Amino acid sequence: MEISASNDSCAYGQPGIFRGHLRFDNPRLADYSWPLCEIRGRKPGPRLCVSAGVHVNEVSSIEAAVRLQRMIDPETIRGSVSIIPLINQPAFYKYTELVCPIDGRNINFTFPGNSDGTFSEALCDSIMNEWCVGADCYVDMHGGDLRENVSKFSIFQRTHNVELDAMGRRMAMCFDAEIVMGLPAAHMEKSGRAPTGFARHNRLALMSEAGANGLLDEGSISFHLEGVLNIARTLGIIDAPLAPFLNARIPCDEYLWLDCPVDGEFHAEAEPGDRVTKGQRLGTIRNLFGETLAEVTAPETGFLLWRMTHPTIPKGSPIGAVAVEETSGRQQR
């Protein structure tokens, strides 16, 4: 990586607060630089990497990454916290939903990436193998693009590594979440979210989700902030007790997508965080005459993780997702 410091910054790698930019080594990324804040204590300790802005409209998570930079005192911590507040630089000021405009890929489902691949693949590879080298944990914050509303939840990747699974669950429980989603181990068979890509290399990464419709709201910002600070406390970077938990943090182990069965207008009958039962109607698809074309039902009993808020949805596109509460049987997989 090539690191350049701002005027108000300490030297990179020294105790204090570094502010500046980084450029990754991969030539596919050469036209862009990434804002970087790294807070380093005077005592050695764990390394925590935190990012937002994989999806540039998920602004509550981006704002949390900005505020986090001023909530950690280098004089009182061990180790370091490194923050990139906006990952998808090509989409900055373009408001692109979900994808990177250079290659049309969703960075969120491209980890662990490929150094010889497209821009998004090269970026995911560089995040893992340059910026996050030596990190004890990576947290990628998300939530609430322009047309969606999400519940407050966290994600870790289940593996067949008992120790890594236990640490992933422990860190995901640091968020005051309605739902803690442990993705099935089968997700590691292909590229995926950061928790999946890192787990394929026996490394720890998490995601947090909270927000709606590309709007700032203090509840979602606080959710991300307090969760990351709790992780720093759990790792021993910050010497302080965990913030209190108010939500249930229900552990789930199945993430079931809901696809739109026909072109039309979706009218929701359940909201993110609601408990739903198998076969329950979650909404209807109607045409522009108000006639019902199809019903959308819950595939299993669980919790609505998120849903699209703009009603116009084409056939085959996601409407939302349901998380299924873990059972002792599924937990063994």
C-alpha atoms as a PDB file:
ATOM      1  CA  MET A   1       0.000   0.000   0.000  1.00  0.00           C
ATOM      2  CA  GLU A   2       1.039   3.587  -0.617  1.00  0.00           C
ATOM      3  CA  ILE A   3       0.100   5.821   2.338  1.00  0.00           C
ATOM      4  CA  SER A   4      -0.055   9.626   2.269  1.00  0.00           C
ATOM      5  CA  ALA A   5      -0.743  11.702   5.373  1.00  0.00           C
ATOM      6  CA  SER A   6      -2.886  14.810   5.808  1.00  0.00           C
ATOM      7  CA  ASN A   7      -1.426  17.928   7.407  1.00  0.00           C
ATOM      8  CA  ASP A   8      -3.091  17.241  10.773  1.00  0.00           C
ATOM      9  CA  SER A   9      -1.869  13.652  10.979  1.00  0.00           C
ATOM     10  CA  CYS A  10       0.752  11.769  12.891  1.00  0.00           C
ATOM     11  CA  ALA A  11       3.108   9.551  10.905  1.00  0.00           C
ATOM     12  CA  TYR A  12       1.529   6.306   9.726  1.00  0.00           C
ATOM     13  CA  GLY A  13       2.276   3.440  12.095  1.00  0.00           C
ATOM     14  CA  GLN A  14       3.125   5.733  15.020  1.00  0.00           C
ATOM     15  CA  PRO A  15       1.051   6.237  18.197  1.00  0.00           C
ATOM     16  CA  GLY A  16      -1.684   8.818  17.710  1.00  0.00           C
ATOM     17  CA  ILE A  17      -4.294   9.518  15.038  1.00  0.00           C
ATOM     18  CA  PHE A  18      -3.303   9.087  11.403  1.00  0.00           C
ATOM     19  CA  ARG A  19      -5.473  10.753   8.776  1.00  0.00           C
ATOM     20  CA  GLY A  20      -4.749  10.474   5.097  1.00  0.00           C
ATOM     21  CA  HIS A  21      -5.255   8.265   2.050  1.00  0.00           C
ATOM     22  CA  LEU A  22      -4.076   4.894   0.836  1.00  0.00           C
ATOM     23  CA  ARG A  23      -3.566   3.487  -2.617  1.00  0.00           C
ATOM     24  CA  PHE A  24      -3.559  -0.245  -3.128  1.00  0.00           C
ATOM     25  CA  ASP A  25      -0.750  -1.937  -5.041  1.00  0.00           C
ATOM     26  CA  ASN A  26      -2.983  -3.625  -7.630  1.00  0.00           C
ATOM     27  CA  PRO A  27      -2.738  -1.641 -10.918  1.00  0.00           C
ATOM     28  CA  ARG A  28      -6.487  -2.113 -11.548  1.00  0.00           C
ATOM     29  CA  LEU A  29      -7.107   0.170  -8.569  1.00  0.00           C
ATOM     30  CA  ALA A  30      -4.510   2.789  -9.491  1.00  0.00           C
ATOM     31  CA  ASP A  31      -6.990   5.571 -10.381  1.00  0.00           C
ATOM     32  CA  TYR A  32      -8.465   5.696  -6.873  1.00  0.00           C
ATOM     33  CA  SER A  33      -7.360   6.417  -3.326  1.00  0.00           C
ATOM     34  CA  TRP A  34      -9.215   5.594  -0.129  1.00  0.00           C
ATOM     35  CA  PRO A  35      -9.610   7.830   2.942  1.00  0.00           C
ATOM     36  CA  LEU A  36      -7.969   6.206   5.947  1.00  0.00           C
ATOM     37  CA  CYS A  37      -8.039   6.988   9.650  1.00  0.00           C
ATOM     38  CA  GLU A  38      -5.966   4.810  11.954  1.00  0.00           C
ATOM     39  CA  ILE A  39      -5.893   5.292  15.718  1.00  0.00           C
ATOM     40  CA  ARG A  40      -2.905   3.619  17.354  1.00  0.00           C
ATOM     41  CA  GLY A  41      -2.221   3.314  21.075  1.00  0.00           C
ATOM     42  CA  ARG A  42       1.153   3.552  22.754  1.00  0.00           C
ATOM     43  CA  LYS A  43       0.883  -0.047  23.938  1.00  0.00           C
ATOM     44  CA  PRO A  44       0.837  -3.025  21.540  1.00  0.00           C
ATOM     45  CA  GLY A  45      -2.407  -4.940  21.171  1.00  0.00           C
ATOM     46  CA  PRO A  46      -5.033  -6.244  18.758  1.00  0.00           C
ATOM     47  CA  ARG A  47      -5.787  -4.708  15.364  1.00  0.00           C
ATOM     48  CA  LEU A  48      -9.380  -3.953  14.354  1.00  0.00           C
ATOM     49  CA  CYS A  49     -10.293  -2.863  10.799  1.00  0.00           C
ATOM     50  CA  VAL A  50     -13.665  -1.188  10.148  1.00  0.00           C
ATOM     51  CA  SER A  51     -15.251  -0.098   6.863  1.00  0.00           C
ATOM     52  CA  ALA A  52     -18.481   1.266   5.424  1.00  0.00           C
ATOM     53  CA  GLY A  53     -19.696   2.384   2.025  1.00  0.00           C
ATOM     54  CA  VAL A  54     -19.489  -0.876   0.094  1.00  0.00           C
ATOM     55  CA  HIS A  55     -22.964   0.372  -0.852  1.00  0.00           C
ATOM     56  CA  VAL A  56     -22.705   4.162  -1.014  1.00  0.00           C
ATOM     57  CA  ASN A  57     -26.354   4.885  -0.155  1.00  0.00           C
ATOM     58  CA  GLU A  58     -26.166   3.043   3.175  1.00  0.00           C
ATOM     59  CA  VAL A  59     -25.415   6.301   4.883  1.00  0.00           C
ATOM     60  CA  SER A  60     -25.998   5.440   8.542  1.00  0.00           C
ATOM     61  CA  SER A  61     -23.058   3.056   8.428  1.00  0.00           C
ATOM     62  CA  ILE A  62     -20.878   5.632   6.628  1.00  0.00           C
ATOM     63  CA  GLU A  63     -21.730   8.260   9.238  1.00  0.00           C
ATOM     64  CA  ALA A  64     -20.899   5.764  11.987  1.00  0.00           C
ATOM     65  CA  ALA A  65     -17.475   5.218  10.407  1.00  0.00           C
ATOM     66  CA  VAL A  66     -16.901   8.986  10.355  1.00  0.00           C
ATOM     67  CA  ARG A  67     -17.938   9.472  13.981  1.00  0.00           C
ATOM     68  CA  LEU A  68     -15.942   6.465  15.170  1.00  0.00           C
ATOM     69  CA  GLN A  69     -12.742   8.284  14.215  1.00  0.00           C
ATOM     70  CA  ARG A  70     -13.323  10.777  17.040  1.00  0.00           C
ATOM     71  CA  MET A  71     -14.552   8.352  19.689  1.00  0.00           C
ATOM     72  CA  ILE A  72     -11.316   6.452  20.294  1.00  0.00           C
ATOM     73  CA  ASP A  73      -8.499   7.995  22.329  1.00  0.00           C
ATOM     74  CA  PRO A  74      -5.018   6.793  21.300  1.00  0.00           C
ATOM     75  CA  GLU A  75      -3.760   7.584  24.802  1.00  0.00           C
ATOM     76  CA  THR A  76      -6.010   4.986  26.406  1.00  0.00           C
ATOM     77  CA  ILE A  77      -6.071   2.055  23.958  1.00  0.00           C
ATOM     78  CA  ARG A  78      -3.916  -0.948  23.194  1.00  0.00           C
ATOM     79  CA  GLY A  79      -3.272  -1.844  19.576  1.00  0.00           C
ATOM     80  CA  SER A  80      -5.024  -0.041  16.745  1.00  0.00           C
ATOM     81  CA  VAL A  81      -8.327   0.667  15.019  1.00  0.00           C
ATOM     82  CA  SER A  82      -8.133   1.314  11.268  1.00  0.00           C
ATOM     83  CA  ILE A  83     -11.115   2.861   9.465  1.00  0.00           C
ATOM     84  CA  ILE A  84     -12.005   3.272   5.776  1.00  0.00           C
ATOM     85  CA  PRO A  85     -15.344   5.131   5.752  1.00  0.00           C
ATOM     86  CA  LEU A  86     -16.160   4.575   2.071  1.00  0.00           C
ATOM     87  CA  ILE A  87     -15.062   1.489   0.142  1.00  0.00           C
ATOM     88  CA  ASN A  88     -16.918   1.864  -3.174  1.00  0.00           C
ATOM     89  CA  GLN A  89     -15.008   4.936  -4.383  1.00  0.00           C
ATOM     90  CA  PRO A  90     -16.169   4.671  -8.052  1.00  0.00           C
ATOM     91  CA  ALA A  91     -19.783   5.039  -6.860  1.00  0.00           C
ATOM     92  CA  PHE A  92     -19.108   8.102  -4.672  1.00  0.00           C
ATOM     93  CA  TYR A  93     -21.435  10.965  -5.691  1.00  0.00           C
ATOM     94  CA  LYS A  94     -23.074   8.665  -8.247  1.00  0.00           C
ATOM     95  CA  TYR A  95     -25.521   7.081  -5.741  1.00  0.00           C
ATOM     96  CA  THR A  96     -25.197   3.732  -7.503  1.00  0.00           C
ATOM     97  CA  GLU A  97     -27.341   1.110  -5.831  1.00  0.00           C
ATOM     98  CA  LEU A  98     -25.573  -2.078  -4.773  1.00  0.00           C
ATOM     99  CA  VAL A  99     -22.957  -2.314  -7.541  1.00  0.00           C
ATOM    100  CA  CYS A 100     -19.585  -0.864  -8.446  1.00  0.00           C
ATOM    101  CA  PRO A 101     -20.111   1.185 -11.645  1.00  0.00           C
ATOM    102  CA  ILE A 102     -16.776   0.110 -13.143  1.00  0.00           C
ATOM    103  CA  ASP A 103     -17.609  -3.595 -13.508  1.00  0.00           C
ATOM    104  CA  GLY A 104     -21.270  -3.807 -12.454  1.00  0.00           C
ATOM    105  CA  ARG A 105     -20.442  -6.224  -9.634  1.00  0.00           C
ATOM    106  CA  ASN A 106     -21.777  -6.152  -6.092  1.00  0.00           C
ATOM    107  CA  ILE A 107     -18.640  -5.827  -3.953  1.00  0.00           C
ATOM    108  CA  ASN A 108     -20.587  -7.289  -1.043  1.00  0.00           C
ATOM    109  CA  PHE A 109     -20.724 -10.688  -2.765  1.00  0.00           C
ATOM    110  CA  THR A 110     -17.207 -10.701  -4.227  1.00  0.00           C
ATOM    111  CA  PHE A 111     -14.992 -11.681  -1.272  1.00  0.00           C
ATOM    112  CA  PRO A 112     -12.317 -13.047  -1.073  1.00  0.00           C
ATOM    113  CA  GLY A 113     -11.760 -11.499  -4.489  1.00  0.00           C
ATOM    114  CA  ASN A 114      -9.066 -12.150  -7.078  1.00  0.00           C
ATOM    115  CA  SER A 115      -5.932 -10.082  -7.699  1.00  0.00           C
ATOM    116  CA  ASP A 116      -6.191 -10.854 -11.435  1.00  0.00           C
ATOM    117  CA  GLY A 117      -9.937 -10.250 -11.674  1.00  0.00           C
ATOM    118  CA  THR A 118     -12.193  -7.256 -12.268  1.00  0.00           C
ATOM    119  CA  PHE A 119     -12.028  -4.002 -10.299  1.00  0.00           C
ATOM    120  CA  SER A 120     -14.335  -5.296  -7.540  1.00  0.00           C
ATOM    121  CA  GLU A 121     -12.488  -8.609  -7.307  1.00  0.00           C
ATOM    122  CA  ALA A 122      -9.133  -6.819  -7.109  1.00  0.00           C
ATOM    123  CA  LEU A 123     -10.519  -4.465  -4.451  1.00  0.00           C
ATOM    124  CA  CYS A 124     -11.786  -7.309  -2.251  1.00  0.00           C
ATOM    125  CA  ASP A 125      -8.443  -9.080  -2.582  1.00  0.00           C
ATOM    126  CA  SER A 126      -6.601  -5.879  -1.622  1.00  0.00           C
ATOM    127  CA  ILE A 127      -8.864  -5.225   1.376  1.00  0.00           C
ATOM    128  CA  MET A 128      -8.113  -8.711   2.665  1.00  0.00           C
ATOM    129  CA  ASN A 129      -4.450  -9.034   1.791  1.00  0.00           C
ATOM    130  CA  GLU A 130      -3.125  -5.480   2.096  1.00  0.00           C
ATOM    131  CA  TRP A 131      -5.215  -3.337   4.429  1.00  0.00           C
ATOM    132  CA  CYS A 132      -6.484  -6.107   6.739  1.00  0.00           C
ATOM    133  CA  VAL A 133      -3.187  -7.990   7.012  1.00  0.00           C
ATOM    134  CA  GLY A 134      -2.670  -8.844  10.683  1.00  0.00           C
ATOM    135  CA  ALA A 135      -6.187  -7.775  11.681  1.00  0.00           C
ATOM    136  CA  ASP A 136      -7.767  -9.729  14.519  1.00  0.00           C
ATOM    137  CA  CYS A 137     -11.208  -8.754  13.206  1.00  0.00           C
ATOM    138  CA  TYR A 138     -12.693  -6.888  10.234  1.00  0.00           C
ATOM    139  CA  VAL A 139     -16.127  -5.248  10.531  1.00  0.00           C
ATOM    140  CA  ASP A 140     -17.958  -4.153   7.366  1.00  0.00           C
ATOM    141  CA  MET A 141     -20.933  -1.916   8.203  1.00  0.00           C
ATOM    142  CA  HIS A 142     -24.056  -1.824   5.993  1.00  0.00           C
ATOM    143  CA  GLY A 143     -27.728  -0.990   6.022  1.00  0.00           C
ATOM    144  CA  GLY A 144     -30.656   0.519   4.173  1.00  0.00           C
ATOM    145  CA  ASP A 145     -30.012   1.382   0.514  1.00  0.00           C
ATOM    146  CA  LEU A 146     -32.304   3.805  -1.335  1.00  0.00           C
ATOM    147  CA  ARG A 147     -35.148   1.293  -1.728  1.00  0.00           C
ATOM    148  CA  GLU A 148     -34.847  -0.906   1.338  1.00  0.00           C
ATOM    149  CA  ASN A 149     -35.415  -1.109   5.066  1.00  0.00           C
ATOM    150  CA  VAL A 150     -33.397  -3.512   7.182  1.00  0.00           C
ATOM    151  CA  SER A 151     -33.738  -4.794  10.722  1.00  0.00           C
ATOM    152  CA  LYS A 152     -30.866  -4.310  13.136  1.00  0.00           C
ATOM    153  CA  PHE A 153     -28.770  -7.439  12.666  1.00  0.00           C
ATOM    154  CA  SER A 154     -25.208  -8.702  12.561  1.00  0.00           C
ATOM    155  CA  ILE A 155     -23.660 -11.476  10.457  1.00  0.00           C
ATOM    156  CA  PHE A 156     -20.854 -13.940  10.998  1.00  0.00           C
ATOM    157  CA  GLN A 157     -19.882 -16.957   8.910  1.00  0.00           C
ATOM    158  CA  ARG A 158     -20.196 -20.455  10.313  1.00  0.00           C
ATOM    159  CA  THR A 159     -17.387 -22.806   9.369  1.00  0.00           C
ATOM    160  CA  HIS A 160     -16.178 -26.223  10.475  1.00  0.00           C
ATOM    161  CA  ASN A 161     -13.592 -24.492  12.669  1.00  0.00           C
ATOM    162  CA  VAL A 162     -15.043 -24.604  16.186  1.00  0.00           C
ATOM    163  CA  GLU A 163     -12.741 -21.914  17.560  1.00  0.00           C
ATOM    164  CA  LEU A 164     -13.394 -19.498  14.683  1.00  0.00           C
ATOM    165  CA  ASP A 165     -17.149 -20.089  14.922  1.00  0.00           C
ATOM    166  CA  ALA A 166     -17.141 -19.344  18.644  1.00  0.00           C
ATOM    167  CA  MET A 167     -15.199 -16.124  18.132  1.00  0.00           C
ATOM    168  CA  GLY A 168     -17.463 -15.072  15.248  1.00  0.00           C
ATOM    169  CA  ARG A 169     -20.590 -15.602  17.342  1.00  0.00           C
ATOM    170  CA  ARG A 170     -19.063 -13.761  20.294  1.00  0.00           C
ATOM    171  CA  MET A 171     -18.155 -10.739  18.194  1.00  0.00           C
ATOM    172  CA  ALA A 172     -21.497 -10.684  16.360  1.00  0.00           C
ATOM    173  CA  MET A 173     -23.228 -10.668  19.753  1.00  0.00           C
ATOM    174  CA  CYS A 174     -21.418  -7.393  20.513  1.00  0.00           C
ATOM    175  CA  PHE A 175     -24.074  -5.590  18.463  1.00  0.00           C
ATOM    176  CA  ASP A 176     -27.380  -4.718  20.141  1.00  0.00           C
ATOM    177  CA  ALA A 177     -29.097  -6.638  17.379  1.00  0.00           C
ATOM    178  CA  GLU A 178     -32.604  -7.937  16.912  1.00  0.00           C
ATOM    179  CA  ILE A 179     -31.089 -10.893  15.028  1.00  0.00           C
ATOM    180  CA  VAL A 180     -27.597 -12.419  14.955  1.00  0.00           C
ATOM    181  CA  MET A 181     -27.186 -14.260  11.660  1.00  0.00           C
ATOM    182  CA  GLY A 182     -24.724 -17.148  11.457  1.00  0.00           C
ATOM    183  CA  LEU A 183     -24.483 -17.953   7.750  1.00  0.00           C
ATOM    184  CA  PRO A 184     -24.468 -21.689   6.937  1.00  0.00           C
ATOM    185  CA  ALA A 185     -21.057 -23.222   6.212  1.00  0.00           C
ATOM    186  CA  ALA A 186     -22.249 -24.043   2.676  1.00  0.00           C
ATOM    187  CA  HIS A 187     -21.920 -20.327   1.815  1.00  0.00           C
ATOM    188  CA  MET A 188     -18.133 -20.774   1.775  1.00  0.00           C
ATOM    189  CA  GLU A 189     -18.341 -22.828  -1.417  1.00  0.00           C
ATOM    190  CA  LYS A 190     -18.473 -19.648  -3.517  1.00  0.00           C
ATOM    191  CA  SER A 191     -17.599 -15.950  -3.306  1.00  0.00           C
ATOM    192  CA  GLY A 192     -19.697 -13.988  -0.864  1.00  0.00           C
ATOM    193  CA  ARG A 193     -19.819 -11.356   1.836  1.00  0.00           C
ATOM    194  CA  ALA A 194     -16.739 -10.311   3.782  1.00  0.00           C
ATOM    195  CA  PRO A 195     -17.470 -12.756   6.651  1.00  0.00           C
ATOM    196  CA  THR A 196     -17.599 -15.581   4.088  1.00  0.00           C
ATOM    197  CA  GLY A 197     -14.484 -14.563   2.166  1.00  0.00           C
ATOM    198  CA  PHE A 198     -12.404 -14.116   5.298  1.00  0.00           C
ATOM    199  CA  ALA A 199     -13.657 -17.391   6.807  1.00  0.00           C
ATOM    200  CA  ARG A 200     -12.460 -19.266   3.717  1.00  0.00           C
ATOM    201  CA  HIS A 201      -8.973 -18.278   4.887  1.00  0.00           C
ATOM    202  CA  ASN A 202      -9.674 -18.983   8.590  1.00  0.00           C
ATOM    203  CA  ARG A 203      -9.899 -15.280   9.350  1.00  0.00           C
ATOM    204  CA  LEU A 204     -12.594 -13.351  11.194  1.00  0.00           C
ATOM    205  CA  ALA A 205     -14.888 -10.766   9.618  1.00  0.00           C
ATOM    206  CA  LEU A 206     -18.370  -9.534  10.533  1.00  0.00           C
ATOM    207  CA  MET A 207     -21.119  -7.439   9.007  1.00  0.00           C
ATOM    208  CA  SER A 208     -23.579  -5.121  10.719  1.00  0.00           C
ATOM    209  CA  GLU A 209     -26.857  -4.028   9.137  1.00  0.00           C
ATOM    210  CA  ALA A 210     -29.139  -1.155  10.178  1.00  0.00           C
ATOM    211  CA  GLY A 211     -30.796   1.670   8.292  1.00  0.00           C
ATOM    212  CA  ALA A 212     -33.408   2.502   5.681  1.00  0.00           C
ATOM    213  CA  ASN A 213     -33.909   4.297   2.375  1.00  0.00           C
ATOM    214  CA  GLY A 214     -30.569   6.099   2.248  1.00  0.00           C
ATOM    215  CA  LEU A 215     -31.480   8.222   5.279  1.00  0.00           C
ATOM    216  CA  LEU A 216     -29.459   9.128   8.353  1.00  0.00           C
ATOM    217  CA  ASP A 217     -31.097   8.109  11.606  1.00  0.00           C
ATOM    218  CA  GLU A 218     -29.518   8.246  15.027  1.00  0.00           C
ATOM    219  CA  GLY A 219     -30.757   4.813  16.109  1.00  0.00           C
ATOM    220  CA  SER A 220     -29.000   3.069  13.211  1.00  0.00           C
ATOM    221  CA  ILE A 221     -25.839   5.148  13.580  1.00  0.00           C
ATOM    222  CA  SER A 222     -25.679   4.303  17.285  1.00  0.00           C
ATOM    223  CA  PHE A 223     -26.249   0.604  16.543  1.00  0.00           C
ATOM    224  CA  HIS A 224     -23.158   0.467  14.338  1.00  0.00           C
ATOM    225  CA  LEU A 225     -21.043   2.642  16.645  1.00  0.00           C
ATOM    226  CA  GLU A 226     -21.782   0.826  19.885  1.00  0.00           C
ATOM    227  CA  GLY A 227     -21.365  -2.565  18.233  1.00  0.00           C
ATOM    228  CA  VAL A 228     -17.890  -1.708  16.935  1.00  0.00           C
ATOM    229  CA  LEU A 229     -16.896  -0.172  20.266  1.00  0.00           C
ATOM    230  CA  ASN A 230     -18.114  -3.322  22.036  1.00  0.00           C
ATOM    231  CA  ILE A 231     -15.918  -5.391  19.705  1.00  0.00           C
ATOM    232  CA  ALA A 232     -12.959  -3.171  20.575  1.00  0.00           C
ATOM    233  CA  ARG A 233     -13.760  -3.690  24.260  1.00  0.00           C
ATOM    234  CA  THR A 234     -14.071  -7.458  23.809  1.00  0.00           C
ATOM    235  CA  LEU A 235     -10.750  -7.632  21.953  1.00  0.00           C
ATOM    236  CA  GLY A 236      -9.062  -5.666  24.728  1.00  0.00           C
ATOM    237  CA  ILE A 237      -8.322  -2.589  22.627  1.00  0.00           C
ATOM    238  CA  ILE A 238     -10.513  -0.446  24.881  1.00  0.00           C
ATOM    239  CA  ASP A 239     -10.475  -1.079  28.622  1.00  0.00           C
ATOM    240  CA  ALA A 240     -14.138  -0.570  29.472  1.00  0.00           C
ATOM    241  CA  PRO A 241     -17.267  -2.671  30.065  1.00  0.00           C
ATOM    242  CA  LEU A 242     -19.598  -3.450  27.183  1.00  0.00           C
ATOM    243  CA  ALA A 243     -22.493  -1.121  26.463  1.00  0.00           C
ATOM    244  CA  PRO A 244     -25.831  -2.579  27.631  1.00  0.00           C
ATOM    245  CA  PHE A 245     -28.029  -4.632  25.298  1.00  0.00           C
ATOM    246  CA  LEU A 246     -31.730  -3.845  24.828  1.00  0.00           C
ATOM    247  CA  ASN A 247     -32.605  -6.154  21.918  1.00  0.00           C
ATOM    248  CA  ALA A 248     -33.040  -9.932  21.907  1.00  0.00           C
ATOM    249  CA  ARG A 249     -29.993 -10.825  19.724  1.00  0.00           C
ATOM    250  CA  ILE A 250     -31.829 -13.949  18.518  1.00  0.00           C
ATOM    251  CA  PRO A 251     -29.370 -16.392  16.912  1.00  0.00           C
ATOM    252  CA  CYS A 252     -30.372 -17.520  13.417  1.00  0.00           C
ATOM    253  CA  ASP A 253     -28.685 -19.886  10.976  1.00  0.00           C
ATOM    254  CA  GLU A 254     -30.634 -19.702   7.714  1.00  0.00           C
ATOM    255  CA  TYR A 255     -30.836 -16.667   5.396  1.00  0.00           C
ATOM    256  CA  LEU A 256     -33.699 -17.190   2.914  1.00  0.00           C
ATOM    257  CA  TRP A 257     -34.175 -14.760   0.033  1.00  0.00           C
ATOM    258  CA  LEU A 258     -37.670 -13.841  -1.185  1.00  0.00           C
ATOM    259  CA  ASP A 259     -37.867 -13.288  -4.942  1.00  0.00           C
ATOM    260  CA  CYS A 260     -40.719 -11.494  -6.673  1.00  0.00           C
ATOM    261  CA  PRO A 261     -42.912 -14.073  -8.475  1.00  0.00           C
ATOM    262  CA  VAL A 262     -44.261 -11.667 -11.145  1.00  0.00           C
ATOM    263  CA  ASP A 263     -43.738  -8.115 -12.367  1.00  0.00           C
ATOM    264  CA  GLY A 264     -45.818  -5.735 -10.304  1.00  0.00           C
ATOM    265  CA  GLU A 265     -46.289  -3.532  -7.241  1.00  0.00           C
ATOM    266  CA  PHE A 266     -45.374  -5.059  -3.877  1.00  0.00           C
ATOM    267  CA  HIS A 267     -47.608  -4.130  -0.933  1.00  0.00           C
ATOM    268  CA  ALA A 268     -45.979  -5.282   2.314  1.00  0.00           C
ATOM    269  CA  GLU A 269     -47.834  -6.734   5.279  1.00  0.00           C
ATOM    270  CA  ALA A 270     -44.796  -7.302   7.543  1.00  0.00           C
ATOM    271  CA  GLU A 271     -41.864  -5.155   8.566  1.00  0.00           C
ATOM    272  CA  PRO A 272     -38.178  -5.926   9.259  1.00  0.00           C
ATOM    273  CA  GLY A 273     -37.734  -7.476  12.671  1.00  0.00           C
ATOM    274  CA  ASP A 274     -41.247  -8.989  12.706  1.00  0.00           C
ATOM    275  CA  ARG A 275     -41.594 -12.636  13.628  1.00  0.00           C
ATOM    276  CA  VAL A 276     -43.301 -14.529  10.786  1.00  0.00           C
ATOM    277  CA  THR A 277     -44.620 -18.075  10.480  1.00  0.00           C
ATOM    278  CA  LYS A 278     -44.216 -20.489   7.603  1.00  0.00           C
ATOM    279  CA  GLY A 279     -46.836 -19.769   4.949  1.00  0.00           C
ATOM    280  CA  GLN A 280     -47.757 -16.386   6.439  1.00  0.00           C
ATOM    281  CA  ARG A 281     -48.609 -13.795   3.835  1.00  0.00           C
ATOM    282  CA  LEU A 282     -45.931 -11.103   3.833  1.00  0.00           C
ATOM    283  CA  GLY A 283     -47.552  -9.044   1.116  1.00  0.00           C
ATOM    284  CA  THR A 284     -49.158  -9.077  -2.299  1.00  0.00           C
ATOM    285  CA  ILE A 285     -48.068  -8.224  -5.840  1.00  0.00           C
ATOM    286  CA  ARG A 286     -50.621  -6.085  -7.680  1.00  0.00           C
ATOM    287  CA  ASN A 287     -50.865  -4.621 -11.161  1.00  0.00           C
ATOM    288  CA  LEU A 288     -51.585  -0.989 -11.975  1.00  0.00           C
ATOM    289  CA  PHE A 289     -55.325  -1.702 -11.886  1.00  0.00           C
ATOM    290  CA  GLY A 290     -55.007  -2.746  -8.235  1.00  0.00           C
ATOM    291  CA  GLU A 291     -55.652  -6.419  -9.011  1.00  0.00           C
ATOM    292  CA  THR A 292     -53.740  -8.990  -6.982  1.00  0.00           C
ATOM    293  CA  LEU A 293     -51.400 -11.017  -9.167  1.00  0.00           C
ATOM    294  CA  ALA A 294     -49.646 -13.085  -6.508  1.00  0.00           C
ATOM    295  CA  GLU A 295     -49.023 -13.465  -2.804  1.00  0.00           C
ATOM    296  CA  VAL A 296     -45.602 -13.474  -1.137  1.00  0.00           C
ATOM    297  CA  THR A 297     -45.405 -15.892   1.791  1.00  0.00           C
ATOM    298  CA  ALA A 298     -42.792 -16.794   4.375  1.00  0.00           C
ATOM    299  CA  PRO A 299     -40.852 -19.913   3.314  1.00  0.00           C
ATOM    300  CA  GLU A 300     -40.151 -20.822   6.946  1.00  0.00           C
ATOM    301  CA  THR A 301     -40.948 -19.577  10.422  1.00  0.00           C
ATOM    302  CA  GLY A 302     -38.469 -16.909  11.421  1.00  0.00           C
ATOM    303  CA  PHE A 303     -37.900 -13.149  11.251  1.00  0.00           C
ATOM    304  CA  LEU A 304     -38.135 -10.690   8.394  1.00  0.00           C
ATOM    305  CA  LEU A 305     -34.555  -9.406   7.980  1.00  0.00           C
ATOM    306  CA  TRP A 306     -35.235  -6.710   5.400  1.00  0.00           C
ATOM    307  CA  ARG A 307     -37.603  -5.738   2.617  1.00  0.00           C
ATOM    308  CA  MET A 308     -37.726  -3.478  -0.410  1.00  0.00           C
ATOM    309  CA  THR A 309     -39.613  -0.253   0.253  1.00  0.00           C
ATOM    310  CA  HIS A 310     -40.168   0.895  -3.336  1.00  0.00           C
ATOM    311  CA  PRO A 311     -43.195  -1.106  -4.494  1.00  0.00           C
ATOM    312  CA  THR A 312     -42.260  -1.552  -8.175  1.00  0.00           C
ATOM    313  CA  ILE A 313     -40.349  -4.824  -8.446  1.00  0.00           C
ATOM    314  CA  PRO A 314     -39.673  -6.967 -11.539  1.00  0.00           C
ATOM    315  CA  LYS A 315     -40.090 -10.722 -11.588  1.00  0.00           C
ATOM    316  CA  GLY A 316     -37.127 -12.549 -10.062  1.00  0.00           C
ATOM    317  CA  SER A 317     -35.742  -9.567  -8.140  1.00  0.00           C
ATOM    318  CA  PRO A 318     -35.419  -9.762  -4.351  1.00  0.00           C
ATOM    319  CA  ILE A 319     -38.296  -8.538  -2.230  1.00  0.00           C
ATOM    320  CA  GLY A 320     -36.702  -9.299   1.125  1.00  0.00           C
ATOM    321  CA  ALA A 321     -35.260 -12.065   3.257  1.00  0.00           C
ATOM    322  CA  VAL A 322     -36.235 -14.232   6.207  1.00  0.00           C
ATOM    323  CA  ALA A 323     -33.873 -15.435   8.929  1.00  0.00           C
ATOM    324  CA  VAL A 324     -34.626 -18.787  10.563  1.00  0.00           C
ATOM    325  CA  GLU A 325     -33.924 -19.167  14.271  1.00  0.00           C
ATOM    326  CA  GLU A 326     -31.222 -21.730  14.955  1.00  0.00           C
ATOM    327  CA  THR A 327     -32.043 -25.091  16.513  1.00  0.00           C
ATOM    328  CA  SER A 328     -29.675 -27.498  18.223  1.00  0.00           C
ATOM    329  CA  GLY A 329     -29.763 -29.721  15.144  1.00  0.00           C
ATOM    330  CA  ARG A 330     -28.829 -27.021  12.660  1.00  0.00           C
ATOM    331  CA  GLN A 331     -26.237 -25.596  15.020  1.00  0.00           C
ATOM    332  CA  GLN A 332     -24.174 -28.779  14.628  1.00  0.00           C
ATOM    333  CA  ARG A 333     -23.764 -28.374  10.840  1.00  0.00           C
END
